[in-house]
C-alpha atoms as a PDB file:
ATOM      1  CA  UNK A   1      64.351  96.850 124.370  1.00  0.00           C
ATOM      2  CA  UNK A   2      64.142  98.054 128.302  1.00  0.00           C
ATOM      3  CA  UNK A   3      62.178 100.810 129.397  1.00  0.00           C
ATOM      4  CA  UNK A   4      60.607 101.566 125.900  1.00  0.00           C
ATOM      5  CA  UNK A   5      61.726 104.071 123.051  1.00  0.00           C
ATOM      6  CA  UNK A   6      64.636 103.935 120.909  1.00  0.00           C
ATOM      7  CA  UNK A   7      68.725 103.511 121.755  1.00  0.00           C
ATOM      8  CA  UNK A   8      71.793 103.384 120.696  1.00  0.00           C
ATOM      9  CA  UNK A   9      74.718 100.708 120.993  1.00  0.00           C
ATOM     10  CA  UNK A  10      77.519 102.245 122.908  1.00  0.00           C
ATOM     11  CA  UNK A  11      81.144 102.036 123.862  1.00  0.00           C
ATOM     12  CA  UNK A  12      83.421 102.253 126.741  1.00  0.00           C
ATOM     13  CA  UNK A  13      85.336 105.660 125.466  1.00  0.00           C
ATOM     14  CA  UNK A  14      87.693 105.913 128.640  1.00  0.00           C
ATOM     15  CA  UNK A  15      87.378 106.025 132.382  1.00  0.00           C
ATOM     16  CA  UNK A  16      88.233 109.591 133.716  1.00  0.00           C
ATOM     17  CA  UNK A  17      89.297 111.001 136.466  1.00  0.00           C
ATOM     18  CA  UNK A  18      87.559 114.921 137.600  1.00  0.00           C
ATOM     19  CA  UNK A  19      89.720 117.815 138.471  1.00  0.00           C
ATOM     20  CA  UNK A  20      87.753 116.725 142.219  1.00  0.00           C
ATOM     21  CA  UNK A  21      88.697 113.764 141.917  1.00  0.00           C
ATOM     22  CA  UNK A  22      85.772 111.917 141.140  1.00  0.00           C
ATOM     23  CA  UNK A  23      86.039 108.747 138.727  1.00  0.00           C
ATOM     24  CA  UNK A  24      84.148 108.717 135.540  1.00  0.00           C
ATOM     25  CA  UNK A  25      83.041 106.197 132.525  1.00  0.00           C
ATOM     26  CA  UNK A  26      82.536 107.691 129.398  1.00  0.00           C
ATOM     27  CA  UNK A  27      79.951 106.146 127.288  1.00  0.00           C
ATOM     28  CA  UNK A  28      80.389 106.668 123.227  1.00  0.00           C
ATOM     29  CA  UNK A  29      77.700 106.064 120.762  1.00  0.00           C
ATOM     30  CA  UNK A  30      78.981 103.472 118.335  1.00  0.00           C
ATOM     31  CA  UNK A  31      77.397 105.494 115.148  1.00  0.00           C
ATOM     32  CA  UNK A  32      78.241 108.805 114.766  1.00  0.00           C
ATOM     33  CA  UNK A  33      75.795 109.893 112.582  1.00  0.00           C
ATOM     34  CA  UNK A  34      73.181 109.170 115.219  1.00  0.00           C
ATOM     35  CA  UNK A  35      74.648 110.670 117.980  1.00  0.00           C
ATOM     36  CA  UNK A  36      75.829 114.486 116.739  1.00  0.00           C
ATOM     37  CA  UNK A  37      78.747 114.004 118.476  1.00  0.00           C
ATOM     38  CA  UNK A  38      77.898 113.437 122.644  1.00  0.00           C
ATOM     39  CA  UNK A  39      79.144 111.541 124.733  1.00  0.00           C
ATOM     40  CA  UNK A  40      77.590 110.507 128.338  1.00  0.00           C
ATOM     41  CA  UNK A  41      79.984 110.906 131.123  1.00  0.00           C
ATOM     42  CA  UNK A  42      78.298 108.773 134.627  1.00  0.00           C
ATOM     43  CA  UNK A  43      80.366 109.298 137.729  1.00  0.00           C
ATOM     44  CA  UNK A  44      81.613 106.050 139.793  1.00  0.00           C
ATOM     45  CA  UNK A  45      83.252 104.868 142.439  1.00  0.00           C
ATOM     46  CA  UNK A  46      86.999 104.147 142.568  1.00  0.00           C
ATOM     47  CA  UNK A  47      86.247 100.148 142.644  1.00  0.00           C
ATOM     48  CA  UNK A  48      84.115 100.302 139.693  1.00  0.00           C
ATOM     49  CA  UNK A  49      86.284 101.993 137.644  1.00  0.00           C
ATOM     50  CA  UNK A  50      89.107  99.288 138.553  1.00  0.00           C
ATOM     51  CA  UNK A  51      87.230  96.762 137.545  1.00  0.00           C
ATOM     52  CA  UNK A  52      86.241  98.143 134.300  1.00  0.00           C
ATOM     53  CA  UNK A  53      89.718  99.113 133.415  1.00  0.00           C
ATOM     54  CA  UNK A  54      90.844  95.739 134.103  1.00  0.00           C
ATOM     55  CA  UNK A  55      88.048  94.240 131.347  1.00  0.00           C
ATOM     56  CA  UNK A  56      88.600  96.240 128.734  1.00  0.00           C
ATOM     57  CA  UNK A  57      92.361  96.066 129.357  1.00  0.00           C
ATOM     58  CA  UNK A  58      92.152  92.109 129.186  1.00  0.00           C
ATOM     59  CA  UNK A  59      94.519  92.277 133.204  1.00  0.00           C
ATOM     60  CA  UNK A  60      94.011  89.317 135.461  1.00  0.00           C
ATOM     61  CA  UNK A  61      93.454  90.563 138.804  1.00  0.00           C
ATOM     62  CA  UNK A  62      95.057  87.990 141.596  1.00  0.00           C
ATOM     63  CA  UNK A  63      92.085  87.250 142.594  1.00  0.00           C
ATOM     64  CA  UNK A  64      88.772  87.669 141.104  1.00  0.00           C
ATOM     65  CA  UNK A  65      86.872  90.999 141.464  1.00  0.00           C
ATOM     66  CA  UNK A  66      83.387  91.177 142.067  1.00  0.00           C
ATOM     67  CA  UNK A  67      82.200  91.670 138.636  1.00  0.00           C
ATOM     68  CA  UNK A  68      84.441  88.540 137.613  1.00  0.00           C
ATOM     69  CA  UNK A  69      82.355  86.425 140.447  1.00  0.00           C
ATOM     70  CA  UNK A  70      79.176  87.716 138.950  1.00  0.00           C
ATOM     71  CA  UNK A  71      80.473  86.206 135.586  1.00  0.00           C
ATOM     72  CA  UNK A  72      81.777  82.786 136.686  1.00  0.00           C
ATOM     73  CA  UNK A  73      78.764  82.677 138.822  1.00  0.00           C
ATOM     74  CA  UNK A  74      76.278  83.152 136.017  1.00  0.00           C
ATOM     75  CA  UNK A  75      78.705  80.363 134.099  1.00  0.00           C
ATOM     76  CA  UNK A  76      78.702  78.140 136.726  1.00  0.00           C
ATOM     77  CA  UNK A  77      74.427  78.373 136.487  1.00  0.00           C
ATOM     78  CA  UNK A  78      74.096  78.149 132.671  1.00  0.00           C
ATOM     79  CA  UNK A  79      73.123  81.714 132.064  1.00  0.00           C
ATOM     80  CA  UNK A  80      74.380  84.356 129.669  1.00  0.00           C
ATOM     81  CA  UNK A  81      74.779  87.675 129.468  1.00  0.00           C
ATOM     82  CA  UNK A  82      72.869  88.849 126.278  1.00  0.00           C
ATOM     83  CA  UNK A  83      73.154  92.690 127.037  1.00  0.00           C
ATOM     84  CA  UNK A  84      72.880  95.657 129.312  1.00  0.00           C
ATOM     85  CA  UNK A  85      71.336  98.775 128.636  1.00  0.00           C
ATOM     86  CA  UNK A  86      71.320 102.615 130.951  1.00  0.00           C
ATOM     87  CA  UNK A  87      67.511 103.164 130.260  1.00  0.00           C
ATOM     88  CA  UNK A  88      66.454 106.082 132.396  1.00  0.00           C
ATOM     89  CA  UNK A  89      67.579 108.639 134.521  1.00  0.00           C
ATOM     90  CA  UNK A  90      65.745 110.464 137.564  1.00  0.00           C
ATOM     91  CA  UNK A  91      67.046 112.922 139.522  1.00  0.00           C
ATOM     92  CA  UNK A  92      70.412 112.901 138.335  1.00  0.00           C
ATOM     93  CA  UNK A  93      70.701 108.987 138.968  1.00  0.00           C
ATOM     94  CA  UNK A  94      71.095 106.482 135.546  1.00  0.00           C
ATOM     95  CA  UNK A  95      69.365 102.902 135.821  1.00  0.00           C
ATOM     96  CA  UNK A  96      70.847  99.726 134.050  1.00  0.00           C
ATOM     97  CA  UNK A  97      69.499  96.601 133.215  1.00  0.00           C
ATOM     98  CA  UNK A  98      70.765  93.441 132.699  1.00  0.00           C
ATOM     99  CA  UNK A  99      69.242  90.883 130.883  1.00  0.00           C
ATOM    100  CA  UNK A 100      70.249  87.265 131.341  1.00  0.00           C
ATOM    101  CA  UNK A 101      69.133  84.071 129.344  1.00  0.00           C
ATOM    102  CA  UNK A 102      68.898  81.504 131.925  1.00  0.00           C
ATOM    103  CA  UNK A 103      67.793  78.017 131.664  1.00  0.00           C
ATOM    104  CA  UNK A 104      64.461  79.280 133.416  1.00  0.00           C
ATOM    105  CA  UNK A 105      64.205  81.603 130.637  1.00  0.00           C
ATOM    106  CA  UNK A 106      64.638  85.063 130.118  1.00  0.00           C
ATOM    107  CA  UNK A 107      65.537  87.914 133.033  1.00  0.00           C
ATOM    108  CA  UNK A 108      66.353  91.421 133.510  1.00  0.00           C
ATOM    109  CA  UNK A 109      67.938  92.720 136.028  1.00  0.00           C
ATOM    110  CA  UNK A 110      68.115  96.336 137.786  1.00  0.00           C
ATOM    111  CA  UNK A 111      71.664  97.250 138.232  1.00  0.00           C
ATOM    112  CA  UNK A 112      74.063 100.406 138.571  1.00  0.00           C
ATOM    113  CA  UNK A 113      75.368 101.137 135.225  1.00  0.00           C
ATOM    114  CA  UNK A 114      78.979 100.834 136.607  1.00  0.00           C
ATOM    115  CA  UNK A 115      78.013  96.824 137.517  1.00  0.00           C
ATOM    116  CA  UNK A 116      75.878  96.709 134.115  1.00  0.00           C
ATOM    117  CA  UNK A 117      79.089  98.544 132.364  1.00  0.00           C
ATOM    118  CA  UNK A 118      81.247  96.145 134.183  1.00  0.00           C
ATOM    119  CA  UNK A 119      79.810  92.940 133.841  1.00  0.00           C
ATOM    120  CA  UNK A 120      79.498  93.418 129.785  1.00  0.00           C
ATOM    121  CA  UNK A 121      82.875  94.524 130.228  1.00  0.00           C
ATOM    122  CA  UNK A 122      83.567  90.624 131.061  1.00  0.00           C
ATOM    123  CA  UNK A 123      81.362  88.823 129.277  1.00  0.00           C
ATOM    124  CA  UNK A 124      81.282  90.505 125.773  1.00  0.00           C
ATOM    125  CA  UNK A 125      77.636  91.937 126.218  1.00  0.00           C
ATOM    126  CA  UNK A 126      76.797  94.607 123.813  1.00  0.00           C
ATOM    127  CA  UNK A 127      76.083  97.960 125.967  1.00  0.00           C
ATOM    128  CA  UNK A 128      72.701  99.990 125.230  1.00  0.00           C
ATOM    129  CA  UNK A 129      71.959 103.314 125.787  1.00  0.00           C
ATOM    130  CA  UNK A 130      68.233 105.189 125.917  1.00  0.00           C
ATOM    131  CA  UNK A 131      68.522 107.724 123.120  1.00  0.00           C
ATOM    132  CA  UNK A 132      66.455 110.223 125.727  1.00  0.00           C
ATOM    133  CA  UNK A 133      69.093 109.312 128.659  1.00  0.00           C
ATOM    134  CA  UNK A 134      71.734 110.432 125.517  1.00  0.00           C
ATOM    135  CA  UNK A 135      69.361 113.218 124.884  1.00  0.00           C
ATOM    136  CA  UNK A 136      69.505 114.846 128.421  1.00  0.00           C
ATOM    137  CA  UNK A 137      72.486 113.870 129.615  1.00  0.00           C
ATOM    138  CA  UNK A 138      75.130 113.874 126.877  1.00  0.00           C
ATOM    139  CA  UNK A 139      77.644 116.339 126.563  1.00  0.00           C
ATOM    140  CA  UNK A 140      80.099 117.780 123.271  1.00  0.00           C
ATOM    141  CA  UNK A 141      82.173 114.826 122.546  1.00  0.00           C
ATOM    142  CA  UNK A 142      85.883 116.651 123.090  1.00  0.00           C
ATOM    143  CA  UNK A 143      87.516 113.903 124.291  1.00  0.00           C
ATOM    144  CA  UNK A 144      87.924 110.817 121.514  1.00  0.00           C
ATOM    145  CA  UNK A 145      88.378 113.732 119.289  1.00  0.00           C
ATOM    146  CA  UNK A 146      85.322 113.032 116.943  1.00  0.00           C
ATOM    147  CA  UNK A 147      84.057 116.588 116.678  1.00  0.00           C
ATOM    148  CA  UNK A 148      85.296 117.601 113.104  1.00  0.00           C
ATOM    149  CA  UNK A 149      84.060 121.343 114.066  1.00  0.00           C
ATOM    150  CA  UNK A 150      85.017 123.064 117.006  1.00  0.00           C
ATOM    151  CA  UNK A 151      82.536 125.545 116.775  1.00  0.00           C
ATOM    152  CA  UNK A 152      79.676 122.898 116.739  1.00  0.00           C
ATOM    153  CA  UNK A 153      80.116 121.966 120.198  1.00  0.00           C
ATOM    154  CA  UNK A 154      78.080 125.007 121.504  1.00  0.00           C
ATOM    155  CA  UNK A 155      74.267 123.364 119.532  1.00  0.00           C
ATOM    156  CA  UNK A 156      75.264 120.101 120.856  1.00  0.00           C
ATOM    157  CA  UNK A 157      72.933 119.649 123.577  1.00  0.00           C
ATOM    158  CA  UNK A 158      74.849 119.837 126.950  1.00  0.00           C
ATOM    159  CA  UNK A 159      73.588 117.940 130.452  1.00  0.00           C
ATOM    160  CA  UNK A 160      71.288 119.457 132.278  1.00  0.00           C
ATOM    161  CA  UNK A 161      72.634 120.161 136.188  1.00  0.00           C
ATOM    162  CA  UNK A 162      69.885 117.428 137.417  1.00  0.00           C
ATOM    163  CA  UNK A 163      71.180 114.524 134.758  1.00  0.00           C
ATOM    164  CA  UNK A 164      74.426 114.423 136.446  1.00  0.00           C
ATOM    165  CA  UNK A 165      73.709 113.953 139.928  1.00  0.00           C
ATOM    166  CA  UNK A 166      73.372 116.357 142.814  1.00  0.00           C
ATOM    167  CA  UNK A 167      72.524 119.517 144.151  1.00  0.00           C
ATOM    168  CA  UNK A 168      76.286 120.609 143.039  1.00  0.00           C
ATOM    169  CA  UNK A 169      75.638 119.273 139.374  1.00  0.00           C
ATOM    170  CA  UNK A 170      75.900 121.915 137.324  1.00  0.00           C
ATOM    171  CA  UNK A 171      79.790 123.182 138.981  1.00  0.00           C
ATOM    172  CA  UNK A 172      80.824 118.944 138.296  1.00  0.00           C
ATOM    173  CA  UNK A 173      79.319 119.511 134.172  1.00  0.00           C
ATOM    174  CA  UNK A 174      81.342 123.162 134.405  1.00  0.00           C
ATOM    175  CA  UNK A 175      84.484 121.406 135.942  1.00  0.00           C
ATOM    176  CA  UNK A 176      84.326 118.179 133.794  1.00  0.00           C
ATOM    177  CA  UNK A 177      83.563 120.023 130.789  1.00  0.00           C
ATOM    178  CA  UNK A 178      87.414 122.053 131.868  1.00  0.00           C
ATOM    179  CA  UNK A 179      88.262 118.492 131.998  1.00  0.00           C
ATOM    180  CA  UNK A 180      87.597 117.485 128.730  1.00  0.00           C
ATOM    181  CA  UNK A 181      89.387 120.876 127.395  1.00  0.00           C
ATOM    182  CA  UNK A 182      92.584 120.091 128.758  1.00  0.00           C
ATOM    183  CA  UNK A 183      93.302 116.131 128.457  1.00  0.00           C
ATOM    184  CA  UNK A 184      94.540 114.055 125.802  1.00  0.00           C
ATOM    185  CA  UNK A 185      92.704 111.628 124.036  1.00  0.00           C
ATOM    186  CA  UNK A 186      95.952 109.020 124.192  1.00  0.00           C
ATOM    187  CA  UNK A 187      95.270 108.985 127.529  1.00  0.00           C
ATOM    188  CA  UNK A 188      92.232 107.000 126.839  1.00  0.00           C
ATOM    189  CA  UNK A 189      93.729 104.679 124.457  1.00  0.00           C
ATOM    190  CA  UNK A 190      93.257 101.181 125.390  1.00  0.00           C
ATOM    191  CA  UNK A 191      97.165 100.812 123.862  1.00  0.00           C
END
């Protein structure tokens, strides 16, 4: 376990573009009973979003993407990705760790969440999220359709402006919530 404390296993619920054109990865806990209908949005770069989508959809790029190269390098060195975990949030920045098993032993590497998720998506490694991060930065899940009672959305914790990054974070969170209200869940299916 990463920085200590409780954690929950998550899946990539989707990769979206918010109203300002920023890419967002949406992480959803697998056990809805534990998460109270929260989803974690993390704003990421366009290349990382593409890399995650390629892996999730099982597509092959004509040439290896950076995360394909990482996976291939680990394979050639006899190392495997055991798991990745988003371990904390500080001043609006998310921190992740990649846990590797190598001939020299288990190694824990600092990583950006987007890189960790892209690598996990290629290696079928589980993705974990520190419960404290979900509680601080999670927002009510209106994307995946798991929220049975819309009136309960106001009771769920919302992300603090600092949790999602930068001085304009509150406006970005509000804009993202409006985006979630208007989005069709079918837009996030991997069909």
